[in-house]
Amino acid sequence: MHPSQRIDRLIADLADWRGKTLASVRRSILEADREVIEEWKWRGSPVWSRDGIIAVGNAHKRSATPIRRR
């Protein structure tokens, strides 16, 4: 499965505020730079990169944690 499809599935499976937040962060990242690559790493974490990691999106039970690297 392509990483983008895995991220789609993760967002769909998170039927609460975490899915909405992750979808919003994803949309912002992809709109900001069309050359960003979506990846799936580290035991199920969506990762956005371009010449290095830009952000990692992890959804926890009580929080959604976008980790920015740049």
C-alpha atoms as a PDB file:
ATOM      1  CA  MET A   1       0.000   0.000   0.000  1.00  0.00           C
ATOM      2  CA  HIS A   2       1.281   3.478  -0.886  1.00  0.00           C
ATOM      3  CA  PRO A   3       2.151   5.739   2.092  1.00  0.00           C
ATOM      4  CA  SER A   4      -0.538   8.255   1.093  1.00  0.00           C
ATOM      5  CA  GLN A   5      -3.137   5.485   1.217  1.00  0.00           C
ATOM      6  CA  ARG A   6      -1.923   4.440   4.675  1.00  0.00           C
ATOM      7  CA  ILE A   7      -2.251   8.025   5.884  1.00  0.00           C
ATOM      8  CA  ASP A   8      -5.764   8.193   4.383  1.00  0.00           C
ATOM      9  CA  ARG A   9      -6.659   5.030   6.285  1.00  0.00           C
ATOM     10  CA  LEU A  10      -5.178   6.323   9.554  1.00  0.00           C
ATOM     11  CA  ILE A  11      -7.190   9.545   9.270  1.00  0.00           C
ATOM     12  CA  ALA A  12     -10.372   7.579   8.498  1.00  0.00           C
ATOM     13  CA  ASP A  13      -9.764   5.256  11.455  1.00  0.00           C
ATOM     14  CA  LEU A  14      -9.353   8.226  13.795  1.00  0.00           C
ATOM     15  CA  ALA A  15     -13.012   9.225  13.734  1.00  0.00           C
ATOM     16  CA  ASP A  16     -12.608  11.878  16.409  1.00  0.00           C
ATOM     17  CA  TRP A  17     -10.789  15.208  16.720  1.00  0.00           C
ATOM     18  CA  ARG A  18      -7.411  13.499  16.181  1.00  0.00           C
ATOM     19  CA  GLY A  19      -8.319  12.488  12.633  1.00  0.00           C
ATOM     20  CA  LYS A  20      -9.589  15.990  11.861  1.00  0.00           C
ATOM     21  CA  THR A  21      -6.438  17.542  13.300  1.00  0.00           C
ATOM     22  CA  LEU A  22      -4.123  15.197  11.420  1.00  0.00           C
ATOM     23  CA  ALA A  23      -6.056  15.827   8.187  1.00  0.00           C
ATOM     24  CA  SER A  24      -5.752  19.579   8.706  1.00  0.00           C
ATOM     25  CA  VAL A  25      -2.003  19.416   9.396  1.00  0.00           C
ATOM     26  CA  ARG A  26      -1.527  17.164   6.359  1.00  0.00           C
ATOM     27  CA  ARG A  27      -3.497  19.533   4.114  1.00  0.00           C
ATOM     28  CA  SER A  28      -1.454  22.532   5.319  1.00  0.00           C
ATOM     29  CA  ILE A  29       1.851  20.774   4.689  1.00  0.00           C
ATOM     30  CA  LEU A  30       0.887  19.603   1.200  1.00  0.00           C
ATOM     31  CA  GLU A  31      -0.541  23.001   0.228  1.00  0.00           C
ATOM     32  CA  ALA A  32       2.585  24.797   1.436  1.00  0.00           C
ATOM     33  CA  ASP A  33       4.923  22.778  -0.794  1.00  0.00           C
ATOM     34  CA  ARG A  34       3.747  20.536  -3.630  1.00  0.00           C
ATOM     35  CA  GLU A  35       7.096  18.693  -3.658  1.00  0.00           C
ATOM     36  CA  VAL A  36       6.671  17.277  -0.145  1.00  0.00           C
ATOM     37  CA  ILE A  37       6.858  13.481  -0.029  1.00  0.00           C
ATOM     38  CA  GLU A  38       4.528  11.490   2.199  1.00  0.00           C
ATOM     39  CA  GLU A  39       6.145   8.497   3.879  1.00  0.00           C
ATOM     40  CA  TRP A  40       5.131   5.855   6.420  1.00  0.00           C
ATOM     41  CA  LYS A  41       7.779   5.096   9.037  1.00  0.00           C
ATOM     42  CA  TRP A  42       8.517   4.102  12.603  1.00  0.00           C
ATOM     43  CA  ARG A  43       5.784   1.618  13.390  1.00  0.00           C
ATOM     44  CA  GLY A  44       2.966   3.455  11.695  1.00  0.00           C
ATOM     45  CA  SER A  45       3.834   7.131  11.736  1.00  0.00           C
ATOM     46  CA  PRO A  46       3.036   9.422   8.824  1.00  0.00           C
ATOM     47  CA  VAL A  47       6.088  11.451   7.828  1.00  0.00           C
ATOM     48  CA  TRP A  48       6.342  14.400   5.457  1.00  0.00           C
ATOM     49  CA  SER A  49       9.723  15.199   3.978  1.00  0.00           C
ATOM     50  CA  ARG A  50      11.603  17.141   1.337  1.00  0.00           C
ATOM     51  CA  ASP A  51      15.383  17.098   1.558  1.00  0.00           C
ATOM     52  CA  GLY A  52      14.896  15.823   5.128  1.00  0.00           C
ATOM     53  CA  ILE A  53      12.026  15.348   7.530  1.00  0.00           C
ATOM     54  CA  ILE A  54       9.601  18.254   7.819  1.00  0.00           C
ATOM     55  CA  ALA A  55       7.062  16.706  10.193  1.00  0.00           C
ATOM     56  CA  VAL A  56       5.996  13.459  11.836  1.00  0.00           C
ATOM     57  CA  GLY A  57       2.337  13.045  12.792  1.00  0.00           C
ATOM     58  CA  ASN A  58       1.544  10.739  15.692  1.00  0.00           C
ATOM     59  CA  ALA A  59      -1.962  10.332  17.082  1.00  0.00           C
ATOM     60  CA  HIS A  60      -2.115   9.354  20.739  1.00  0.00           C
ATOM     61  CA  LYS A  61      -5.197   8.662  22.829  1.00  0.00           C
ATOM     62  CA  ARG A  62      -5.210  12.114  24.380  1.00  0.00           C
ATOM     63  CA  SER A  63      -3.298  14.177  21.830  1.00  0.00           C
ATOM     64  CA  ALA A  64      -2.190  14.530  18.241  1.00  0.00           C
ATOM     65  CA  THR A  65       1.472  15.457  18.066  1.00  0.00           C
ATOM     66  CA  PRO A  66       2.854  16.993  14.896  1.00  0.00           C
ATOM     67  CA  ILE A  67       6.625  17.141  15.290  1.00  0.00           C
ATOM     68  CA  ARG A  68       8.258  19.759  13.115  1.00  0.00           C
ATOM     69  CA  ARG A  69      11.876  19.318  12.129  1.00  0.00           C
ATOM     70  CA  ARG A  70      12.552  22.519  10.209  1.00  0.00           C
END
